[in-house]
C-alpha atoms as a PDB file:
ATOM      1  CA  MET A   1     255.541 130.146 169.030  1.00  0.00           C
ATOM      2  CA  SER A   2     252.667 129.068 166.824  1.00  0.00           C
ATOM      3  CA  LEU A   3     253.079 126.483 164.103  1.00  0.00           C
ATOM      4  CA  LYS A   4     252.238 129.090 161.470  1.00  0.00           C
ATOM      5  CA  SER A   5     255.101 131.274 162.715  1.00  0.00           C
ATOM      6  CA  LYS A   6     257.512 128.332 162.553  1.00  0.00           C
ATOM      7  CA  ILE A   7     256.443 127.625 158.970  1.00  0.00           C
ATOM      8  CA  GLU A   8     256.922 131.274 158.008  1.00  0.00           C
ATOM      9  CA  ILE A   9     260.417 131.262 159.551  1.00  0.00           C
ATOM     10  CA  GLY A  10     261.196 128.058 157.634  1.00  0.00           C
ATOM     11  CA  TYR A  11     260.069 129.785 154.452  1.00  0.00           C
ATOM     12  CA  GLN A  12     262.329 132.766 155.115  1.00  0.00           C
ATOM     13  CA  ASN A  13     265.274 130.422 155.733  1.00  0.00           C
ATOM     14  CA  SER A  14     264.551 128.515 152.521  1.00  0.00           C
ATOM     15  CA  LEU A  15     264.601 131.801 150.596  1.00  0.00           C
ATOM     16  CA  LYS A  16     268.023 132.572 152.061  1.00  0.00           C
ATOM     17  CA  SER A  17     269.352 129.101 151.196  1.00  0.00           C
ATOM     18  CA  LYS A  18     267.918 129.383 147.653  1.00  0.00           C
ATOM     19  CA  ASP A  19     266.842 125.716 147.645  1.00  0.00           C
ATOM     20  CA  LYS A  20     264.194 125.585 144.897  1.00  0.00           C
ATOM     21  CA  ILE A  21     262.404 122.490 146.215  1.00  0.00           C
ATOM     22  CA  GLU A  22     262.241 123.899 149.742  1.00  0.00           C
ATOM     23  CA  ILE A  23     260.976 127.254 148.524  1.00  0.00           C
ATOM     24  CA  SER A  24     258.238 125.677 146.405  1.00  0.00           C
ATOM     25  CA  THR A  25     257.235 123.342 149.253  1.00  0.00           C
ATOM     26  CA  TYR A  26     256.918 126.222 151.702  1.00  0.00           C
ATOM     27  CA  ARG A  27     254.918 128.192 149.159  1.00  0.00           C
ATOM     28  CA  LEU A  28     252.556 125.219 148.798  1.00  0.00           C
ATOM     29  CA  ILE A  29     252.188 124.998 152.582  1.00  0.00           C
ATOM     30  CA  LEU A  30     251.550 128.730 152.970  1.00  0.00           C
ATOM     31  CA  SER A  31     249.068 128.733 150.094  1.00  0.00           C
ATOM     32  CA  ALA A  32     247.134 125.799 151.584  1.00  0.00           C
ATOM     33  CA  LEU A  33     247.277 127.505 154.971  1.00  0.00           C
ATOM     34  CA  LYS A  34     245.851 130.722 153.521  1.00  0.00           C
ATOM     35  CA  ASP A  35     243.026 128.712 151.890  1.00  0.00           C
ATOM     36  CA  LEU A  36     242.306 127.048 155.245  1.00  0.00           C
ATOM     37  CA  GLU A  37     242.195 130.414 157.010  1.00  0.00           C
ATOM     38  CA  ILE A  38     239.772 131.779 154.426  1.00  0.00           C
ATOM     39  CA  LEU A  39     237.594 128.679 154.798  1.00  0.00           C
ATOM     40  CA  ASN A  40     237.610 129.020 158.586  1.00  0.00           C
ATOM     41  CA  ARG A  41     236.676 132.715 158.443  1.00  0.00           C
ATOM     42  CA  SER A  42     233.725 132.226 156.125  1.00  0.00           C
ATOM     43  CA  GLY A  43     230.690 130.037 156.357  1.00  0.00           C
ATOM     44  CA  PRO A  44     228.520 129.150 159.335  1.00  0.00           C
ATOM     45  CA  ASN A  45     231.310 127.746 161.539  1.00  0.00           C
ATOM     46  CA  LYS A  46     233.605 130.772 161.806  1.00  0.00           C
ATOM     47  CA  LYS A  47     236.696 130.165 163.893  1.00  0.00           C
ATOM     48  CA  GLU A  48     240.344 131.098 164.221  1.00  0.00           C
ATOM     49  CA  THR A  49     242.802 128.702 162.556  1.00  0.00           C
ATOM     50  CA  ASP A  50     244.824 126.982 165.282  1.00  0.00           C
ATOM     51  CA  ASP A  51     247.756 124.559 165.400  1.00  0.00           C
ATOM     52  CA  LYS A  52     245.414 121.544 165.343  1.00  0.00           C
ATOM     53  CA  ASP A  53     243.938 122.718 162.039  1.00  0.00           C
ATOM     54  CA  ILE A  54     247.424 123.224 160.633  1.00  0.00           C
ATOM     55  CA  ILE A  55     248.529 119.747 161.753  1.00  0.00           C
ATOM     56  CA  GLN A  56     245.490 118.206 160.023  1.00  0.00           C
ATOM     57  CA  LEU A  57     246.338 120.172 156.872  1.00  0.00           C
ATOM     58  CA  ILE A  58     249.949 118.992 156.928  1.00  0.00           C
ATOM     59  CA  LYS A  59     248.866 115.360 157.463  1.00  0.00           C
ATOM     60  CA  LYS A  60     246.584 115.660 154.443  1.00  0.00           C
ATOM     61  CA  MET A  61     249.426 117.094 152.363  1.00  0.00           C
ATOM     62  CA  ILE A  62     251.752 114.272 153.453  1.00  0.00           C
ATOM     63  CA  LYS A  63     249.127 111.672 152.535  1.00  0.00           C
ATOM     64  CA  GLN A  64     248.808 113.208 149.059  1.00  0.00           C
ATOM     65  CA  ARG A  65     252.570 113.123 148.610  1.00  0.00           C
ATOM     66  CA  ASN A  66     252.826 109.516 149.782  1.00  0.00           C
ATOM     67  CA  GLU A  67     250.210 108.516 147.209  1.00  0.00           C
ATOM     68  CA  SER A  68     252.226 110.308 144.525  1.00  0.00           C
ATOM     69  CA  ILE A  69     255.414 108.596 145.719  1.00  0.00           C
ATOM     70  CA  ASP A  70     253.783 105.182 145.257  1.00  0.00           C
ATOM     71  CA  ILE A  71     252.724 106.085 141.729  1.00  0.00           C
ATOM     72  CA  TYR A  72     256.168 107.451 140.844  1.00  0.00           C
ATOM     73  CA  LYS A  73     257.850 104.303 142.165  1.00  0.00           C
ATOM     74  CA  LYS A  74     255.602 102.095 140.033  1.00  0.00           C
ATOM     75  CA  ASN A  75     256.350 104.181 136.943  1.00  0.00           C
ATOM     76  CA  ASN A  76     260.106 104.605 137.581  1.00  0.00           C
ATOM     77  CA  ARG A  77     259.883 108.411 137.741  1.00  0.00           C
ATOM     78  CA  ASN A  78     262.860 108.977 140.017  1.00  0.00           C
ATOM     79  CA  ASP A  79     263.099 112.674 139.146  1.00  0.00           C
ATOM     80  CA  LEU A  80     259.618 113.352 140.532  1.00  0.00           C
ATOM     81  CA  LEU A  81     260.080 110.831 143.342  1.00  0.00           C
ATOM     82  CA  VAL A  82     262.999 112.775 144.810  1.00  0.00           C
ATOM     83  CA  VAL A  83     260.988 116.004 144.877  1.00  0.00           C
ATOM     84  CA  GLU A  84     257.986 114.376 146.591  1.00  0.00           C
ATOM     85  CA  GLU A  85     260.179 112.649 149.178  1.00  0.00           C
ATOM     86  CA  LYS A  86     261.892 115.912 150.068  1.00  0.00           C
ATOM     87  CA  GLU A  87     258.488 117.596 150.406  1.00  0.00           C
ATOM     88  CA  VAL A  88     257.382 114.836 152.813  1.00  0.00           C
ATOM     89  CA  VAL A  89     260.511 115.403 154.931  1.00  0.00           C
ATOM     90  CA  ILE A  90     259.839 119.145 155.118  1.00  0.00           C
ATOM     91  CA  LEU A  91     256.146 118.653 155.921  1.00  0.00           C
ATOM     92  CA  SER A  92     256.878 115.978 158.536  1.00  0.00           C
ATOM     93  CA  SER A  93     259.204 118.303 160.396  1.00  0.00           C
ATOM     94  CA  TYR A  94     256.134 120.322 161.483  1.00  0.00           C
ATOM     95  CA  LEU A  95     254.235 117.360 162.926  1.00  0.00           C
ATOM     96  CA  PRO A  96     254.542 116.107 166.490  1.00  0.00           C
ATOM     97  CA  LYS A  97     256.918 113.161 166.864  1.00  0.00           C
ATOM     98  CA  GLN A  98     255.244 110.071 165.409  1.00  0.00           C
ATOM     99  CA  LEU A  99     255.185 106.765 167.260  1.00  0.00           C
ATOM    100  CA  SER A 100     257.621 104.128 166.025  1.00  0.00           C
ATOM    101  CA  ASP A 101     256.412 100.813 164.586  1.00  0.00           C
ATOM    102  CA  ASN A 102     256.978  99.034 167.907  1.00  0.00           C
ATOM    103  CA  GLU A 103     255.203 101.778 169.855  1.00  0.00           C
ATOM    104  CA  THR A 104     252.310 101.656 167.380  1.00  0.00           C
ATOM    105  CA  MET A 105     252.062  97.881 167.844  1.00  0.00           C
ATOM    106  CA  ASP A 106     252.038  98.279 171.648  1.00  0.00           C
ATOM    107  CA  VAL A 107     249.389 101.013 171.540  1.00  0.00           C
ATOM    108  CA  CYS A 108     247.198  98.894 169.239  1.00  0.00           C
ATOM    109  CA  LYS A 109     247.466  95.812 171.465  1.00  0.00           C
ATOM    110  CA  GLN A 110     246.745  97.871 174.569  1.00  0.00           C
ATOM    111  CA  THR A 111     243.693  99.515 172.988  1.00  0.00           C
ATOM    112  CA  ILE A 112     242.349  96.158 171.752  1.00  0.00           C
ATOM    113  CA  SER A 113     242.459  94.804 175.289  1.00  0.00           C
ATOM    114  CA  GLU A 114     240.944  98.047 176.690  1.00  0.00           C
ATOM    115  CA  VAL A 115     237.861  97.844 174.483  1.00  0.00           C
ATOM    116  CA  ASN A 116     237.827  94.045 174.676  1.00  0.00           C
ATOM    117  CA  ALA A 117     237.795  93.712 170.885  1.00  0.00           C
ATOM    118  CA  GLN A 118     237.070  90.140 169.803  1.00  0.00           C
ATOM    119  CA  SER A 119     237.102  90.271 166.003  1.00  0.00           C
ATOM    120  CA  ILE A 120     237.567  92.470 162.954  1.00  0.00           C
ATOM    121  CA  LYS A 121     233.994  93.698 163.544  1.00  0.00           C
ATOM    122  CA  ASP A 122     235.295  95.652 166.550  1.00  0.00           C
ATOM    123  CA  MET A 123     237.903  97.519 164.505  1.00  0.00           C
ATOM    124  CA  GLY A 124     235.762 100.681 164.412  1.00  0.00           C
ATOM    125  CA  LYS A 125     235.615 100.816 168.207  1.00  0.00           C
ATOM    126  CA  VAL A 126     239.379 100.373 168.474  1.00  0.00           C
ATOM    127  CA  MET A 127     240.080 103.012 165.820  1.00  0.00           C
ATOM    128  CA  GLY A 128     237.736 105.435 167.572  1.00  0.00           C
ATOM    129  CA  VAL A 129     239.660 105.104 170.837  1.00  0.00           C
ATOM    130  CA  LEU A 130     242.997 105.407 169.000  1.00  0.00           C
ATOM    131  CA  LYS A 131     241.858 108.580 167.227  1.00  0.00           C
ATOM    132  CA  LYS A 132     240.651 110.054 170.498  1.00  0.00           C
ATOM    133  CA  ASN A 133     243.877 109.306 172.377  1.00  0.00           C
ATOM    134  CA  TYR A 134     246.618 109.422 169.726  1.00  0.00           C
ATOM    135  CA  SER A 135     245.325 111.648 166.919  1.00  0.00           C
ATOM    136  CA  ASP A 136     248.493 113.743 166.674  1.00  0.00           C
ATOM    137  CA  ASN A 137     251.255 111.167 166.876  1.00  0.00           C
ATOM    138  CA  LEU A 138     249.916 107.928 165.413  1.00  0.00           C
ATOM    139  CA  ASP A 139     250.119 106.928 161.757  1.00  0.00           C
ATOM    140  CA  PHE A 140     246.644 105.492 161.247  1.00  0.00           C
ATOM    141  CA  SER A 141     247.530 103.709 158.014  1.00  0.00           C
ATOM    142  CA  LYS A 142     250.103 101.653 159.944  1.00  0.00           C
ATOM    143  CA  ALA A 143     247.696 101.201 162.834  1.00  0.00           C
ATOM    144  CA  GLY A 144     244.985  99.945 160.480  1.00  0.00           C
ATOM    145  CA  VAL A 145     247.275  97.272 159.052  1.00  0.00           C
ATOM    146  CA  ILE A 146     248.364  96.178 162.542  1.00  0.00           C
ATOM    147  CA  LEU A 147     244.781  96.082 163.832  1.00  0.00           C
ATOM    148  CA  LYS A 148     243.582  93.976 160.896  1.00  0.00           C
ATOM    149  CA  GLU A 149     246.435  91.554 161.434  1.00  0.00           C
ATOM    150  CA  ILE A 150     245.751  91.180 165.176  1.00  0.00           C
ATOM    151  CA  LEU A 151     241.960  91.096 164.969  1.00  0.00           C
ATOM    152  CA  ASN A 152     241.872  88.580 162.103  1.00  0.00           C
ATOM    153  CA  LYS A 153     243.832  86.118 164.278  1.00  0.00           C
ATOM    154  CA  LYS A 154     241.211  86.251 167.048  1.00  0.00           C
END
């Protein structure tokens, strides 16, 4: 079953449960998905929207929500914070399982030794290998922090 089908089923279930936040979140996802499909159909690089495209879209949506969550925390807007956090949970349920903090640390250390990174100047090489090998299940914001920490010590 395609990711789009799973999202549509989730939307139907949210309509049955009458959860307003869930319904609005699914509508946002479906709207963004429709925009992505239109973008992919037009222009010089016409292609069919696949699960990889949808995963990238969902990651982008999660990043936007996490930025909003930080702002709401700073401004003590708990009413909006709750909504954004629930949206992140719903969006995250459609991503492949993410690596834990310990697994991320291990992957970073392993990749640093693979590319023989010596300093922070080699961070681009390490990130390139990480993106090639772990693009779907690695949180690159966490990985970036870990890489900086490790490479600055060298």
